[in-house]
Amino acid sequence: MGRHATKSRQGAALVVAAGLLASGAHAEEASAACTATLSGKRVMVRPEARAFISPELDRLVRLGLAGKLEVELTFWRRRSFWFDAHLDSARVTQVLAFTRDGYRLDGRELTGGVGTLELERVAWTLDTRPGADEHFVVQVEVRLQVVTAASLGRMARWLTQGEASSSGTPVLGSLLRTVAEDLARQATGRCDVSRQP
């Protein structure tokens, strides 16, 4: 009886994982964008993440799991006929959570919903005032992850009543990593730095 129940739980865990994998195909494509302005020697960047919350991720966050948004911004000076020059980088981690009042990003209520997430602003200060012929660009990379392979592994162990042999198999570990990656959304975007008059 115990052996049959364990196999049923393993089967249930695989069905849940396969269902999560299959349902991600209908999600809208995530995108990242930014607006950057130069005023004197200061560059202000306002990054955004669009369509990052798929129905599956929405369900998981509403159930109480927090989403971790990792934002990486890279500041470049454009150079004609050559590679752009890397000037600076910034990495920001923000937490997306759901409360009774709705979604919150780092504790700030998202009154406009989660279709477009206005992320934390980043500012850089240049050493010298740039010339009129100098042009800059900012690259933004955004990644949202709600569950990890480790948390899925804990769920699988719970479903299989903590059997070490079932959750430690290479096939199940690979499946859990695949599901965790499928439940992560990422996008990259670029924006030219405009000058304020």
C-alpha atoms as a PDB file:
ATOM      1  CA  MET A   1       0.000   0.000   0.000  1.00  0.00           C
ATOM      2  CA  GLY A   2       2.758   2.458   0.969  1.00  0.00           C
ATOM      3  CA  ARG A   3       4.768   1.758  -2.159  1.00  0.00           C
ATOM      4  CA  HIS A   4       1.735   2.285  -4.430  1.00  0.00           C
ATOM      5  CA  ALA A   5       0.884   5.595  -2.716  1.00  0.00           C
ATOM      6  CA  THR A   6       4.452   6.832  -3.169  1.00  0.00           C
ATOM      7  CA  LYS A   7       4.330   6.068  -6.902  1.00  0.00           C
ATOM      8  CA  SER A   8       1.009   7.916  -7.126  1.00  0.00           C
ATOM      9  CA  ARG A   9       2.546  10.982  -5.465  1.00  0.00           C
ATOM     10  CA  GLN A  10       5.532  10.842  -7.825  1.00  0.00           C
ATOM     11  CA  GLY A  11       3.154  10.661 -10.761  1.00  0.00           C
ATOM     12  CA  ALA A  12       1.172  13.579  -9.374  1.00  0.00           C
ATOM     13  CA  ALA A  13       4.356  15.644  -9.022  1.00  0.00           C
ATOM     14  CA  LEU A  14       5.307  14.919 -12.641  1.00  0.00           C
ATOM     15  CA  VAL A  15       1.790  15.786 -13.873  1.00  0.00           C
ATOM     16  CA  VAL A  16       1.881  19.110 -11.964  1.00  0.00           C
ATOM     17  CA  ALA A  17       5.307  19.932 -13.403  1.00  0.00           C
ATOM     18  CA  ALA A  18       4.237  19.006 -16.942  1.00  0.00           C
ATOM     19  CA  GLY A  19       1.084  21.106 -16.591  1.00  0.00           C
ATOM     20  CA  LEU A  20       3.118  24.117 -15.511  1.00  0.00           C
ATOM     21  CA  LEU A  21       5.452  23.624 -18.466  1.00  0.00           C
ATOM     22  CA  ALA A  22       2.681  23.277 -21.032  1.00  0.00           C
ATOM     23  CA  SER A  23       0.647  26.249 -19.817  1.00  0.00           C
ATOM     24  CA  GLY A  24       3.529  28.704 -20.311  1.00  0.00           C
ATOM     25  CA  ALA A  25       3.213  28.536 -24.092  1.00  0.00           C
ATOM     26  CA  HIS A  26       0.213  30.898 -24.179  1.00  0.00           C
ATOM     27  CA  ALA A  27       1.810  33.714 -22.188  1.00  0.00           C
ATOM     28  CA  GLU A  28       2.347  37.144 -23.733  1.00  0.00           C
ATOM     29  CA  GLU A  29       5.957  37.962 -24.613  1.00  0.00           C
ATOM     30  CA  ALA A  30       7.774  39.864 -21.863  1.00  0.00           C
ATOM     31  CA  SER A  31       9.689  43.007 -22.812  1.00  0.00           C
ATOM     32  CA  ALA A  32      11.981  45.516 -21.137  1.00  0.00           C
ATOM     33  CA  ALA A  33      12.273  49.193 -21.964  1.00  0.00           C
ATOM     34  CA  CYS A  34      13.741  52.339 -20.498  1.00  0.00           C
ATOM     35  CA  THR A  35      13.769  56.100 -20.761  1.00  0.00           C
ATOM     36  CA  ALA A  36      17.085  57.855 -20.159  1.00  0.00           C
ATOM     37  CA  THR A  37      17.794  61.583 -20.000  1.00  0.00           C
ATOM     38  CA  LEU A  38      21.015  63.565 -19.678  1.00  0.00           C
ATOM     39  CA  SER A  39      20.969  66.833 -17.782  1.00  0.00           C
ATOM     40  CA  GLY A  40      24.398  68.417 -17.349  1.00  0.00           C
ATOM     41  CA  LYS A  41      26.592  65.558 -16.112  1.00  0.00           C
ATOM     42  CA  ARG A  42      23.740  63.495 -14.638  1.00  0.00           C
ATOM     43  CA  VAL A  43      22.030  60.595 -16.439  1.00  0.00           C
ATOM     44  CA  MET A  44      18.645  59.438 -15.083  1.00  0.00           C
ATOM     45  CA  VAL A  45      17.242  56.072 -16.221  1.00  0.00           C
ATOM     46  CA  ARG A  46      13.666  54.882 -15.715  1.00  0.00           C
ATOM     47  CA  PRO A  47      13.432  51.160 -16.558  1.00  0.00           C
ATOM     48  CA  GLU A  48      10.154  49.313 -17.176  1.00  0.00           C
ATOM     49  CA  ALA A  49       9.158  45.663 -17.436  1.00  0.00           C
ATOM     50  CA  ARG A  50       6.120  44.891 -19.580  1.00  0.00           C
ATOM     51  CA  ALA A  51       3.988  41.726 -19.643  1.00  0.00           C
ATOM     52  CA  PHE A  52       6.182  39.950 -17.095  1.00  0.00           C
ATOM     53  CA  ILE A  53       3.311  38.445 -15.110  1.00  0.00           C
ATOM     54  CA  SER A  54       1.934  35.446 -16.987  1.00  0.00           C
ATOM     55  CA  PRO A  55      -1.242  33.774 -15.674  1.00  0.00           C
ATOM     56  CA  GLU A  56       0.885  31.033 -14.061  1.00  0.00           C
ATOM     57  CA  LEU A  57       3.147  33.518 -12.288  1.00  0.00           C
ATOM     58  CA  ASP A  58       0.113  35.563 -11.252  1.00  0.00           C
ATOM     59  CA  ARG A  59      -1.404  32.477  -9.634  1.00  0.00           C
ATOM     60  CA  LEU A  60       1.819  31.654  -7.775  1.00  0.00           C
ATOM     61  CA  VAL A  61       2.312  35.215  -6.488  1.00  0.00           C
ATOM     62  CA  ARG A  62      -1.326  35.420  -5.377  1.00  0.00           C
ATOM     63  CA  LEU A  63      -0.791  32.167  -3.454  1.00  0.00           C
ATOM     64  CA  GLY A  64       1.910  33.899  -1.415  1.00  0.00           C
ATOM     65  CA  LEU A  65       5.179  33.299  -3.267  1.00  0.00           C
ATOM     66  CA  ALA A  66       7.239  36.445  -3.777  1.00  0.00           C
ATOM     67  CA  GLY A  67       8.713  37.274  -7.150  1.00  0.00           C
ATOM     68  CA  LYS A  68      12.310  38.447  -7.344  1.00  0.00           C
ATOM     69  CA  LEU A  69      12.968  41.034 -10.057  1.00  0.00           C
ATOM     70  CA  GLU A  70      16.624  41.384 -10.974  1.00  0.00           C
ATOM     71  CA  VAL A  71      17.359  44.463 -13.065  1.00  0.00           C
ATOM     72  CA  GLU A  72      20.763  45.055 -14.622  1.00  0.00           C
ATOM     73  CA  LEU A  73      21.469  48.381 -16.310  1.00  0.00           C
ATOM     74  CA  THR A  74      24.565  49.020 -18.409  1.00  0.00           C
ATOM     75  CA  PHE A  75      25.615  52.508 -19.507  1.00  0.00           C
ATOM     76  CA  TRP A  76      27.523  52.831 -22.811  1.00  0.00           C
ATOM     77  CA  ARG A  77      29.124  55.647 -24.797  1.00  0.00           C
ATOM     78  CA  ARG A  78      28.518  55.177 -28.512  1.00  0.00           C
ATOM     79  CA  ARG A  79      31.567  55.180 -30.750  1.00  0.00           C
ATOM     80  CA  SER A  80      31.330  55.366 -34.518  1.00  0.00           C
ATOM     81  CA  PHE A  81      32.956  52.535 -36.443  1.00  0.00           C
ATOM     82  CA  TRP A  82      34.017  50.806 -33.216  1.00  0.00           C
ATOM     83  CA  PHE A  83      32.591  48.983 -30.210  1.00  0.00           C
ATOM     84  CA  ASP A  84      30.644  51.074 -27.715  1.00  0.00           C
ATOM     85  CA  ALA A  85      32.606  52.013 -24.575  1.00  0.00           C
ATOM     86  CA  HIS A  86      31.316  50.585 -21.286  1.00  0.00           C
ATOM     87  CA  LEU A  87      30.993  53.399 -18.729  1.00  0.00           C
ATOM     88  CA  ASP A  88      29.134  51.905 -15.763  1.00  0.00           C
ATOM     89  CA  SER A  89      26.688  49.229 -14.588  1.00  0.00           C
ATOM     90  CA  ALA A  90      24.092  48.928 -11.866  1.00  0.00           C
ATOM     91  CA  ARG A  91      22.213  45.944 -10.493  1.00  0.00           C
ATOM     92  CA  VAL A  92      18.945  46.336  -8.617  1.00  0.00           C
ATOM     93  CA  THR A  93      16.885  43.580  -6.979  1.00  0.00           C
ATOM     94  CA  GLN A  94      13.234  44.255  -6.227  1.00  0.00           C
ATOM     95  CA  VAL A  95      10.527  42.083  -4.658  1.00  0.00           C
ATOM     96  CA  LEU A  96       7.071  41.671  -6.178  1.00  0.00           C
ATOM     97  CA  ALA A  97       4.425  40.451  -3.727  1.00  0.00           C
ATOM     98  CA  PHE A  98       0.654  40.229  -3.487  1.00  0.00           C
ATOM     99  CA  THR A  99      -1.292  41.422  -0.434  1.00  0.00           C
ATOM    100  CA  ARG A 100      -4.973  41.961   0.328  1.00  0.00           C
ATOM    101  CA  ASP A 101      -4.616  45.438  -1.169  1.00  0.00           C
ATOM    102  CA  GLY A 102      -3.128  44.169  -4.435  1.00  0.00           C
ATOM    103  CA  TYR A 103       0.337  43.905  -5.904  1.00  0.00           C
ATOM    104  CA  ARG A 104       3.312  45.634  -4.298  1.00  0.00           C
ATOM    105  CA  LEU A 105       6.782  46.230  -5.693  1.00  0.00           C
ATOM    106  CA  ASP A 106       9.270  46.729  -2.843  1.00  0.00           C
ATOM    107  CA  GLY A 107       6.357  47.729  -0.614  1.00  0.00           C
ATOM    108  CA  ARG A 108       5.025  50.315  -3.089  1.00  0.00           C
ATOM    109  CA  GLU A 109       1.445  49.679  -4.199  1.00  0.00           C
ATOM    110  CA  LEU A 110       1.017  49.120  -7.936  1.00  0.00           C
ATOM    111  CA  THR A 111      -2.218  50.991  -8.583  1.00  0.00           C
ATOM    112  CA  GLY A 112      -1.943  50.584 -12.352  1.00  0.00           C
ATOM    113  CA  GLY A 113      -1.670  46.794 -12.163  1.00  0.00           C
ATOM    114  CA  VAL A 114       1.212  44.604 -13.238  1.00  0.00           C
ATOM    115  CA  GLY A 115       0.988  45.029 -17.021  1.00  0.00           C
ATOM    116  CA  THR A 116       3.804  47.590 -16.924  1.00  0.00           C
ATOM    117  CA  LEU A 117       6.101  47.582 -13.902  1.00  0.00           C
ATOM    118  CA  GLU A 118       7.873  50.885 -13.309  1.00  0.00           C
ATOM    119  CA  LEU A 119      11.154  49.740 -11.786  1.00  0.00           C
ATOM    120  CA  GLU A 120      13.561  51.567  -9.503  1.00  0.00           C
ATOM    121  CA  ARG A 121      15.260  54.546 -11.132  1.00  0.00           C
ATOM    122  CA  VAL A 122      19.017  54.606 -11.516  1.00  0.00           C
ATOM    123  CA  ALA A 123      21.224  57.696 -11.849  1.00  0.00           C
ATOM    124  CA  TRP A 124      24.823  58.044 -12.961  1.00  0.00           C
ATOM    125  CA  THR A 125      27.039  61.115 -12.828  1.00  0.00           C
ATOM    126  CA  LEU A 126      29.631  61.620 -15.552  1.00  0.00           C
ATOM    127  CA  ASP A 127      33.102  62.918 -14.678  1.00  0.00           C
ATOM    128  CA  THR A 128      32.865  65.755 -17.194  1.00  0.00           C
ATOM    129  CA  ARG A 129      30.075  67.428 -19.089  1.00  0.00           C
ATOM    130  CA  PRO A 130      29.732  65.553 -22.421  1.00  0.00           C
ATOM    131  CA  GLY A 131      30.218  67.284 -25.725  1.00  0.00           C
ATOM    132  CA  ALA A 132      27.360  67.848 -28.149  1.00  0.00           C
ATOM    133  CA  ASP A 133      28.732  65.143 -30.462  1.00  0.00           C
ATOM    134  CA  GLU A 134      28.798  62.435 -27.742  1.00  0.00           C
ATOM    135  CA  HIS A 135      25.950  59.922 -27.676  1.00  0.00           C
ATOM    136  CA  PHE A 136      25.042  57.396 -24.984  1.00  0.00           C
ATOM    137  CA  VAL A 137      22.856  54.317 -24.725  1.00  0.00           C
ATOM    138  CA  VAL A 138      21.531  52.270 -21.792  1.00  0.00           C
ATOM    139  CA  GLN A 139      20.885  48.541 -21.935  1.00  0.00           C
ATOM    140  CA  VAL A 140      18.373  47.088 -19.471  1.00  0.00           C
ATOM    141  CA  GLU A 141      18.033  43.392 -18.638  1.00  0.00           C
ATOM    142  CA  VAL A 142      15.147  42.289 -16.438  1.00  0.00           C
ATOM    143  CA  ARG A 143      14.549  38.816 -14.989  1.00  0.00           C
ATOM    144  CA  LEU A 144      11.575  37.797 -12.845  1.00  0.00           C
ATOM    145  CA  GLN A 145      11.705  34.518 -10.973  1.00  0.00           C
ATOM    146  CA  VAL A 146       8.940  33.384  -8.656  1.00  0.00           C
ATOM    147  CA  VAL A 147      10.039  29.831  -7.922  1.00  0.00           C
ATOM    148  CA  THR A 148      13.443  28.216  -7.996  1.00  0.00           C
ATOM    149  CA  ALA A 149      14.560  24.674  -8.684  1.00  0.00           C
ATOM    150  CA  ALA A 150      15.272  24.336  -4.949  1.00  0.00           C
ATOM    151  CA  SER A 151      11.735  25.357  -3.968  1.00  0.00           C
ATOM    152  CA  LEU A 152      10.294  22.983  -6.566  1.00  0.00           C
ATOM    153  CA  GLY A 153      12.545  20.262  -5.145  1.00  0.00           C
ATOM    154  CA  ARG A 154      11.138  20.916  -1.674  1.00  0.00           C
ATOM    155  CA  MET A 155       7.624  20.654  -3.129  1.00  0.00           C
ATOM    156  CA  ALA A 156       8.512  17.354  -4.814  1.00  0.00           C
ATOM    157  CA  ARG A 157       9.938  15.985  -1.553  1.00  0.00           C
ATOM    158  CA  TRP A 158       6.781  17.053   0.242  1.00  0.00           C
ATOM    159  CA  LEU A 159       4.609  15.345  -2.401  1.00  0.00           C
ATOM    160  CA  THR A 160       6.661  12.160  -2.156  1.00  0.00           C
ATOM    161  CA  GLN A 161       6.728  12.267   1.664  1.00  0.00           C
ATOM    162  CA  GLY A 162      10.432  13.137   1.851  1.00  0.00           C
ATOM    163  CA  GLU A 163      11.837  10.131   0.006  1.00  0.00           C
ATOM    164  CA  ALA A 164      15.421  11.091  -0.784  1.00  0.00           C
ATOM    165  CA  SER A 165      15.727   8.594  -3.620  1.00  0.00           C
ATOM    166  CA  SER A 166      12.825  10.013  -5.642  1.00  0.00           C
ATOM    167  CA  SER A 167      13.775  13.697  -5.432  1.00  0.00           C
ATOM    168  CA  GLY A 168      17.461  13.055  -6.002  1.00  0.00           C
ATOM    169  CA  THR A 169      17.142  11.362  -9.371  1.00  0.00           C
ATOM    170  CA  PRO A 170      18.838  13.189 -12.245  1.00  0.00           C
ATOM    171  CA  VAL A 171      15.666  13.132 -14.361  1.00  0.00           C
ATOM    172  CA  LEU A 172      13.538  14.758 -11.659  1.00  0.00           C
ATOM    173  CA  GLY A 173      16.261  17.312 -10.883  1.00  0.00           C
ATOM    174  CA  SER A 174      16.502  18.218 -14.558  1.00  0.00           C
ATOM    175  CA  LEU A 175      12.724  18.467 -14.815  1.00  0.00           C
ATOM    176  CA  LEU A 176      12.572  20.758 -11.773  1.00  0.00           C
ATOM    177  CA  ARG A 177      15.244  23.059 -13.235  1.00  0.00           C
ATOM    178  CA  THR A 178      13.342  23.150 -16.535  1.00  0.00           C
ATOM    179  CA  VAL A 179      10.069  24.042 -14.814  1.00  0.00           C
ATOM    180  CA  ALA A 180      11.799  26.716 -12.712  1.00  0.00           C
ATOM    181  CA  GLU A 181      13.338  28.239 -15.846  1.00  0.00           C
ATOM    182  CA  ASP A 182       9.968  28.132 -17.591  1.00  0.00           C
ATOM    183  CA  LEU A 183       8.430  30.034 -14.680  1.00  0.00           C
ATOM    184  CA  ALA A 184      11.108  32.729 -14.953  1.00  0.00           C
ATOM    185  CA  ARG A 185      10.580  35.575 -17.408  1.00  0.00           C
ATOM    186  CA  GLN A 186      13.348  37.717 -18.825  1.00  0.00           C
ATOM    187  CA  ALA A 187      13.775  40.413 -21.427  1.00  0.00           C
ATOM    188  CA  THR A 188      16.369  42.867 -22.673  1.00  0.00           C
ATOM    189  CA  GLY A 189      15.925  46.349 -24.082  1.00  0.00           C
ATOM    190  CA  ARG A 190      17.943  49.436 -25.012  1.00  0.00           C
ATOM    191  CA  CYS A 191      17.256  53.136 -25.029  1.00  0.00           C
ATOM    192  CA  ASP A 192      19.172  56.120 -26.317  1.00  0.00           C
ATOM    193  CA  VAL A 193      19.987  58.802 -23.776  1.00  0.00           C
ATOM    194  CA  SER A 194      18.179  62.005 -24.723  1.00  0.00           C
ATOM    195  CA  ARG A 195      19.391  65.436 -23.672  1.00  0.00           C
ATOM    196  CA  GLN A 196      17.214  67.803 -21.717  1.00  0.00           C
ATOM    197  CA  PRO A 197      17.007  71.280 -23.232  1.00  0.00           C
END
